[in-house]
């Protein structure tokens, strides 16, 4: 099908430029010096070429989901950024940051030094073994939605709806904003 405007310019291909897309990361830590680890992860994302951090939420303390009953509470936050990078590259960067902070993969729901989840990349949807977008459980997780709503009240999870609506049915028990803990952004 031809364009109704024969002189239209496809801005996405102009000079090889790629569009900026909103990227949302959810970070959590429940082992070690949790706040220092989160600060380092935020700094690492900010240092990523072609990623522009727009906002970082407050720190929230949350009870762990699943895993051992005696597991320490998590410190969580959300980063909203913009990037031209492909989703796979953004995920690989997240995994590299986790590895740099000693993340050990093994038992599901096990305590961890750092968890960096890629929640959305624009309106991209993917359902591959190693990359699912939007993150398959983000739309129902209070520890993702509460900090995300704080920094991006108009945010949406593609295919699920607006954060402001989703949070109305999310389990927020055990999700506490910690104004005494700060991340430098």
C-alpha atoms as a PDB file:
ATOM      1  CA  UNK A   1       0.000   0.000   0.000  1.00  0.00           C
ATOM      2  CA  UNK A   2       1.400   3.376  -0.896  1.00  0.00           C
ATOM      3  CA  UNK A   3       1.504   6.345   1.436  1.00  0.00           C
ATOM      4  CA  UNK A   4      -1.252   8.931   0.926  1.00  0.00           C
ATOM      5  CA  UNK A   5       1.534  11.534   0.963  1.00  0.00           C
ATOM      6  CA  UNK A   6       4.163  10.583  -1.621  1.00  0.00           C
ATOM      7  CA  UNK A   7       6.555  13.129  -0.059  1.00  0.00           C
ATOM      8  CA  UNK A   8       6.281  11.748   3.506  1.00  0.00           C
ATOM      9  CA  UNK A   9       9.570  11.059   5.216  1.00  0.00           C
ATOM     10  CA  UNK A  10       9.981   7.999   7.413  1.00  0.00           C
ATOM     11  CA  UNK A  11      11.646   9.658  10.405  1.00  0.00           C
ATOM     12  CA  UNK A  12      12.756   6.287  11.809  1.00  0.00           C
ATOM     13  CA  UNK A  13      15.041   5.655   8.839  1.00  0.00           C
ATOM     14  CA  UNK A  14      16.220   9.207   8.243  1.00  0.00           C
ATOM     15  CA  UNK A  15      20.031   9.140   8.379  1.00  0.00           C
ATOM     16  CA  UNK A  16      19.909   5.805  10.225  1.00  0.00           C
ATOM     17  CA  UNK A  17      18.350   7.395  13.290  1.00  0.00           C
ATOM     18  CA  UNK A  18      16.324   5.235  15.644  1.00  0.00           C
ATOM     19  CA  UNK A  19      13.374   6.457  17.674  1.00  0.00           C
ATOM     20  CA  UNK A  20      13.686   7.072  21.397  1.00  0.00           C
ATOM     21  CA  UNK A  21      11.518   4.676  23.369  1.00  0.00           C
ATOM     22  CA  UNK A  22      10.532   4.744  27.012  1.00  0.00           C
ATOM     23  CA  UNK A  23      12.350   2.087  29.030  1.00  0.00           C
ATOM     24  CA  UNK A  24      11.325   1.070  32.537  1.00  0.00           C
ATOM     25  CA  UNK A  25      13.534  -0.975  34.852  1.00  0.00           C
ATOM     26  CA  UNK A  26      12.599  -2.356  38.254  1.00  0.00           C
ATOM     27  CA  UNK A  27      15.529  -2.894  40.631  1.00  0.00           C
ATOM     28  CA  UNK A  28      15.584  -4.830  43.877  1.00  0.00           C
ATOM     29  CA  UNK A  29      18.073  -6.098  46.441  1.00  0.00           C
ATOM     30  CA  UNK A  30      17.678  -8.148  49.614  1.00  0.00           C
ATOM     31  CA  UNK A  31      21.242  -9.282  50.312  1.00  0.00           C
ATOM     32  CA  UNK A  32      24.274  -7.278  51.389  1.00  0.00           C
ATOM     33  CA  UNK A  33      24.353  -3.490  51.603  1.00  0.00           C
ATOM     34  CA  UNK A  34      21.078  -3.131  49.710  1.00  0.00           C
ATOM     35  CA  UNK A  35      21.097   0.656  49.333  1.00  0.00           C
ATOM     36  CA  UNK A  36      24.707   0.803  48.122  1.00  0.00           C
ATOM     37  CA  UNK A  37      24.007  -1.979  45.636  1.00  0.00           C
ATOM     38  CA  UNK A  38      20.949  -0.153  44.284  1.00  0.00           C
ATOM     39  CA  UNK A  39      22.929   3.085  43.996  1.00  0.00           C
ATOM     40  CA  UNK A  40      25.624   1.274  42.024  1.00  0.00           C
ATOM     41  CA  UNK A  41      23.056  -0.285  39.712  1.00  0.00           C
ATOM     42  CA  UNK A  42      21.397   3.104  39.088  1.00  0.00           C
ATOM     43  CA  UNK A  43      24.820   4.582  38.317  1.00  0.00           C
ATOM     44  CA  UNK A  44      25.593   1.707  35.929  1.00  0.00           C
ATOM     45  CA  UNK A  45      22.345   2.229  34.031  1.00  0.00           C
ATOM     46  CA  UNK A  46      23.049   5.978  33.874  1.00  0.00           C
ATOM     47  CA  UNK A  47      26.515   5.186  32.464  1.00  0.00           C
ATOM     48  CA  UNK A  48      25.063   3.001  29.697  1.00  0.00           C
ATOM     49  CA  UNK A  49      25.643   4.587  26.279  1.00  0.00           C
ATOM     50  CA  UNK A  50      22.386   5.517  24.510  1.00  0.00           C
ATOM     51  CA  UNK A  51      20.335   5.304  27.715  1.00  0.00           C
ATOM     52  CA  UNK A  52      19.047   8.563  29.158  1.00  0.00           C
ATOM     53  CA  UNK A  53      17.701   8.245  32.706  1.00  0.00           C
ATOM     54  CA  UNK A  54      14.616  10.447  33.003  1.00  0.00           C
ATOM     55  CA  UNK A  55      13.687   9.715  36.619  1.00  0.00           C
ATOM     56  CA  UNK A  56      14.425   7.425  39.546  1.00  0.00           C
ATOM     57  CA  UNK A  57      11.732   6.639  42.097  1.00  0.00           C
ATOM     58  CA  UNK A  58      12.033   6.750  45.832  1.00  0.00           C
ATOM     59  CA  UNK A  59      13.253   3.616  47.569  1.00  0.00           C
ATOM     60  CA  UNK A  60      10.552   1.212  48.728  1.00  0.00           C
ATOM     61  CA  UNK A  61      10.987  -1.613  51.210  1.00  0.00           C
ATOM     62  CA  UNK A  62       8.981  -4.698  50.365  1.00  0.00           C
ATOM     63  CA  UNK A  63       8.393  -8.186  51.631  1.00  0.00           C
ATOM     64  CA  UNK A  64       9.809 -10.909  49.368  1.00  0.00           C
ATOM     65  CA  UNK A  65       7.397 -12.914  47.236  1.00  0.00           C
ATOM     66  CA  UNK A  66       7.947 -16.649  47.403  1.00  0.00           C
ATOM     67  CA  UNK A  67      11.272 -18.030  48.576  1.00  0.00           C
ATOM     68  CA  UNK A  68      12.358 -18.763  52.132  1.00  0.00           C
ATOM     69  CA  UNK A  69      10.076 -17.481  54.898  1.00  0.00           C
ATOM     70  CA  UNK A  70      13.035 -15.906  56.725  1.00  0.00           C
ATOM     71  CA  UNK A  71      14.333 -13.959  53.695  1.00  0.00           C
ATOM     72  CA  UNK A  72      15.267 -10.320  54.267  1.00  0.00           C
ATOM     73  CA  UNK A  73      13.057  -7.553  52.929  1.00  0.00           C
ATOM     74  CA  UNK A  74      13.845  -6.050  49.550  1.00  0.00           C
ATOM     75  CA  UNK A  75      14.718  -2.492  48.746  1.00  0.00           C
ATOM     76  CA  UNK A  76      13.122  -1.663  45.391  1.00  0.00           C
ATOM     77  CA  UNK A  77      12.974   1.261  42.989  1.00  0.00           C
ATOM     78  CA  UNK A  78      11.997   1.992  39.410  1.00  0.00           C
ATOM     79  CA  UNK A  79      14.013   3.795  36.745  1.00  0.00           C
ATOM     80  CA  UNK A  80      12.303   5.469  33.803  1.00  0.00           C
ATOM     81  CA  UNK A  81      14.655   6.103  30.899  1.00  0.00           C
ATOM     82  CA  UNK A  82      14.695   6.698  27.156  1.00  0.00           C
ATOM     83  CA  UNK A  83      16.818   4.768  24.715  1.00  0.00           C
ATOM     84  CA  UNK A  84      17.396   3.926  21.084  1.00  0.00           C
ATOM     85  CA  UNK A  85      18.849   0.534  22.047  1.00  0.00           C
ATOM     86  CA  UNK A  86      17.142  -2.699  21.110  1.00  0.00           C
ATOM     87  CA  UNK A  87      15.337  -4.632  23.859  1.00  0.00           C
ATOM     88  CA  UNK A  88      17.845  -7.510  23.736  1.00  0.00           C
ATOM     89  CA  UNK A  89      20.742  -5.067  24.286  1.00  0.00           C
ATOM     90  CA  UNK A  90      18.911  -3.439  27.215  1.00  0.00           C
ATOM     91  CA  UNK A  91      18.310  -6.868  28.754  1.00  0.00           C
ATOM     92  CA  UNK A  92      21.944  -7.902  28.280  1.00  0.00           C
ATOM     93  CA  UNK A  93      23.044  -4.707  30.048  1.00  0.00           C
ATOM     94  CA  UNK A  94      20.658  -5.462  32.940  1.00  0.00           C
ATOM     95  CA  UNK A  95      22.078  -8.985  33.287  1.00  0.00           C
ATOM     96  CA  UNK A  96      25.665  -7.666  33.169  1.00  0.00           C
ATOM     97  CA  UNK A  97      24.877  -5.210  35.978  1.00  0.00           C
ATOM     98  CA  UNK A  98      23.373  -8.018  38.053  1.00  0.00           C
ATOM     99  CA  UNK A  99      26.485 -10.121  37.471  1.00  0.00           C
ATOM    100  CA  UNK A 100      28.736  -7.225  38.499  1.00  0.00           C
ATOM    101  CA  UNK A 101      26.988  -7.204  41.876  1.00  0.00           C
ATOM    102  CA  UNK A 102      27.347 -10.930  42.437  1.00  0.00           C
ATOM    103  CA  UNK A 103      23.893 -12.076  41.396  1.00  0.00           C
ATOM    104  CA  UNK A 104      23.756 -15.846  41.615  1.00  0.00           C
ATOM    105  CA  UNK A 105      21.164 -17.630  39.537  1.00  0.00           C
ATOM    106  CA  UNK A 106      19.706 -20.816  40.821  1.00  0.00           C
ATOM    107  CA  UNK A 107      16.609 -21.386  42.875  1.00  0.00           C
ATOM    108  CA  UNK A 108      13.642 -19.282  41.813  1.00  0.00           C
ATOM    109  CA  UNK A 109      12.598 -16.661  44.396  1.00  0.00           C
ATOM    110  CA  UNK A 110      15.916 -17.062  46.237  1.00  0.00           C
ATOM    111  CA  UNK A 111      17.392 -13.998  47.988  1.00  0.00           C
ATOM    112  CA  UNK A 112      19.653 -11.960  45.729  1.00  0.00           C
ATOM    113  CA  UNK A 113      22.139  -9.145  45.807  1.00  0.00           C
ATOM    114  CA  UNK A 114      20.526  -7.498  42.798  1.00  0.00           C
ATOM    115  CA  UNK A 115      17.590  -8.012  40.501  1.00  0.00           C
ATOM    116  CA  UNK A 116      17.320  -5.737  37.448  1.00  0.00           C
ATOM    117  CA  UNK A 117      14.118  -6.431  35.526  1.00  0.00           C
ATOM    118  CA  UNK A 118      13.404  -4.872  32.151  1.00  0.00           C
ATOM    119  CA  UNK A 119       9.701  -3.996  32.430  1.00  0.00           C
ATOM    120  CA  UNK A 120       8.898  -2.212  29.161  1.00  0.00           C
ATOM    121  CA  UNK A 121      10.626  -0.903  26.062  1.00  0.00           C
ATOM    122  CA  UNK A 122       8.146   1.457  24.423  1.00  0.00           C
ATOM    123  CA  UNK A 123       5.164  -0.551  23.223  1.00  0.00           C
ATOM    124  CA  UNK A 124       7.298  -3.543  22.226  1.00  0.00           C
ATOM    125  CA  UNK A 125       5.831  -6.948  22.974  1.00  0.00           C
ATOM    126  CA  UNK A 126       7.979 -10.075  22.923  1.00  0.00           C
ATOM    127  CA  UNK A 127       7.393 -13.596  24.176  1.00  0.00           C
ATOM    128  CA  UNK A 128      10.675 -15.449  23.831  1.00  0.00           C
ATOM    129  CA  UNK A 129      12.324 -17.815  26.309  1.00  0.00           C
ATOM    130  CA  UNK A 130      14.852 -15.225  27.449  1.00  0.00           C
ATOM    131  CA  UNK A 131      12.965 -11.978  26.751  1.00  0.00           C
ATOM    132  CA  UNK A 132       9.366 -11.216  27.613  1.00  0.00           C
ATOM    133  CA  UNK A 133       8.009  -7.714  27.159  1.00  0.00           C
ATOM    134  CA  UNK A 134       6.265  -6.268  28.906  1.00  0.00           C
ATOM    135  CA  UNK A 135       7.570  -8.128  31.955  1.00  0.00           C
ATOM    136  CA  UNK A 136       4.914 -10.812  32.452  1.00  0.00           C
ATOM    137  CA  UNK A 137       4.052 -10.008  36.085  1.00  0.00           C
ATOM    138  CA  UNK A 138       4.758  -6.275  36.324  1.00  0.00           C
ATOM    139  CA  UNK A 139       1.107  -5.311  35.913  1.00  0.00           C
ATOM    140  CA  UNK A 140       0.169  -7.012  39.186  1.00  0.00           C
ATOM    141  CA  UNK A 141       3.220  -6.353  41.357  1.00  0.00           C
ATOM    142  CA  UNK A 142       2.862  -3.596  43.938  1.00  0.00           C
ATOM    143  CA  UNK A 143       6.636  -3.271  44.296  1.00  0.00           C
ATOM    144  CA  UNK A 144       6.818  -2.325  40.599  1.00  0.00           C
ATOM    145  CA  UNK A 145       3.617  -0.302  40.261  1.00  0.00           C
ATOM    146  CA  UNK A 146       3.959   1.924  43.367  1.00  0.00           C
ATOM    147  CA  UNK A 147       7.409   3.336  42.535  1.00  0.00           C
ATOM    148  CA  UNK A 148       6.547   3.513  38.823  1.00  0.00           C
ATOM    149  CA  UNK A 149       3.378   5.512  39.484  1.00  0.00           C
ATOM    150  CA  UNK A 150       5.408   7.935  41.611  1.00  0.00           C
ATOM    151  CA  UNK A 151       7.715   8.915  38.737  1.00  0.00           C
ATOM    152  CA  UNK A 152       5.478   8.265  35.720  1.00  0.00           C
ATOM    153  CA  UNK A 153       1.804   8.839  36.603  1.00  0.00           C
ATOM    154  CA  UNK A 154       0.773   8.508  32.942  1.00  0.00           C
ATOM    155  CA  UNK A 155       2.726   5.255  32.503  1.00  0.00           C
ATOM    156  CA  UNK A 156       1.194   2.194  30.900  1.00  0.00           C
ATOM    157  CA  UNK A 157       1.968  -1.494  30.677  1.00  0.00           C
ATOM    158  CA  UNK A 158       1.322  -2.429  27.024  1.00  0.00           C
ATOM    159  CA  UNK A 159      -1.620  -4.795  26.800  1.00  0.00           C
ATOM    160  CA  UNK A 160      -2.604  -4.282  30.441  1.00  0.00           C
ATOM    161  CA  UNK A 161      -3.392  -0.607  30.892  1.00  0.00           C
ATOM    162  CA  UNK A 162      -2.457   2.459  32.859  1.00  0.00           C
ATOM    163  CA  UNK A 163      -0.349   2.166  36.023  1.00  0.00           C
ATOM    164  CA  UNK A 164      -2.844   4.411  37.852  1.00  0.00           C
ATOM    165  CA  UNK A 165      -5.601   1.865  37.144  1.00  0.00           C
ATOM    166  CA  UNK A 166      -3.536  -1.288  37.662  1.00  0.00           C
ATOM    167  CA  UNK A 167      -2.367  -0.202  41.104  1.00  0.00           C
ATOM    168  CA  UNK A 168      -5.982  -0.142  42.286  1.00  0.00           C
ATOM    169  CA  UNK A 169      -6.077  -3.958  42.252  1.00  0.00           C
ATOM    170  CA  UNK A 170      -2.415  -4.690  43.062  1.00  0.00           C
ATOM    171  CA  UNK A 171      -1.338  -6.164  46.372  1.00  0.00           C
ATOM    172  CA  UNK A 172       0.359  -3.287  48.180  1.00  0.00           C
ATOM    173  CA  UNK A 173       0.654  -5.074  51.523  1.00  0.00           C
ATOM    174  CA  UNK A 174       4.252  -4.837  52.655  1.00  0.00           C
ATOM    175  CA  UNK A 175       5.167  -2.089  50.144  1.00  0.00           C
ATOM    176  CA  UNK A 176       6.500   0.851  52.182  1.00  0.00           C
ATOM    177  CA  UNK A 177       8.096   3.998  50.812  1.00  0.00           C
ATOM    178  CA  UNK A 178      11.351   4.675  52.695  1.00  0.00           C
ATOM    179  CA  UNK A 179      11.854   8.436  52.673  1.00  0.00           C
ATOM    180  CA  UNK A 180      14.845   7.987  54.983  1.00  0.00           C
ATOM    181  CA  UNK A 181      16.749   6.159  52.196  1.00  0.00           C
ATOM    182  CA  UNK A 182      17.800   8.069  49.116  1.00  0.00           C
ATOM    183  CA  UNK A 183      19.403   7.351  45.784  1.00  0.00           C
ATOM    184  CA  UNK A 184      21.458  10.055  44.131  1.00  0.00           C
ATOM    185  CA  UNK A 185      20.422  10.544  40.545  1.00  0.00           C
END
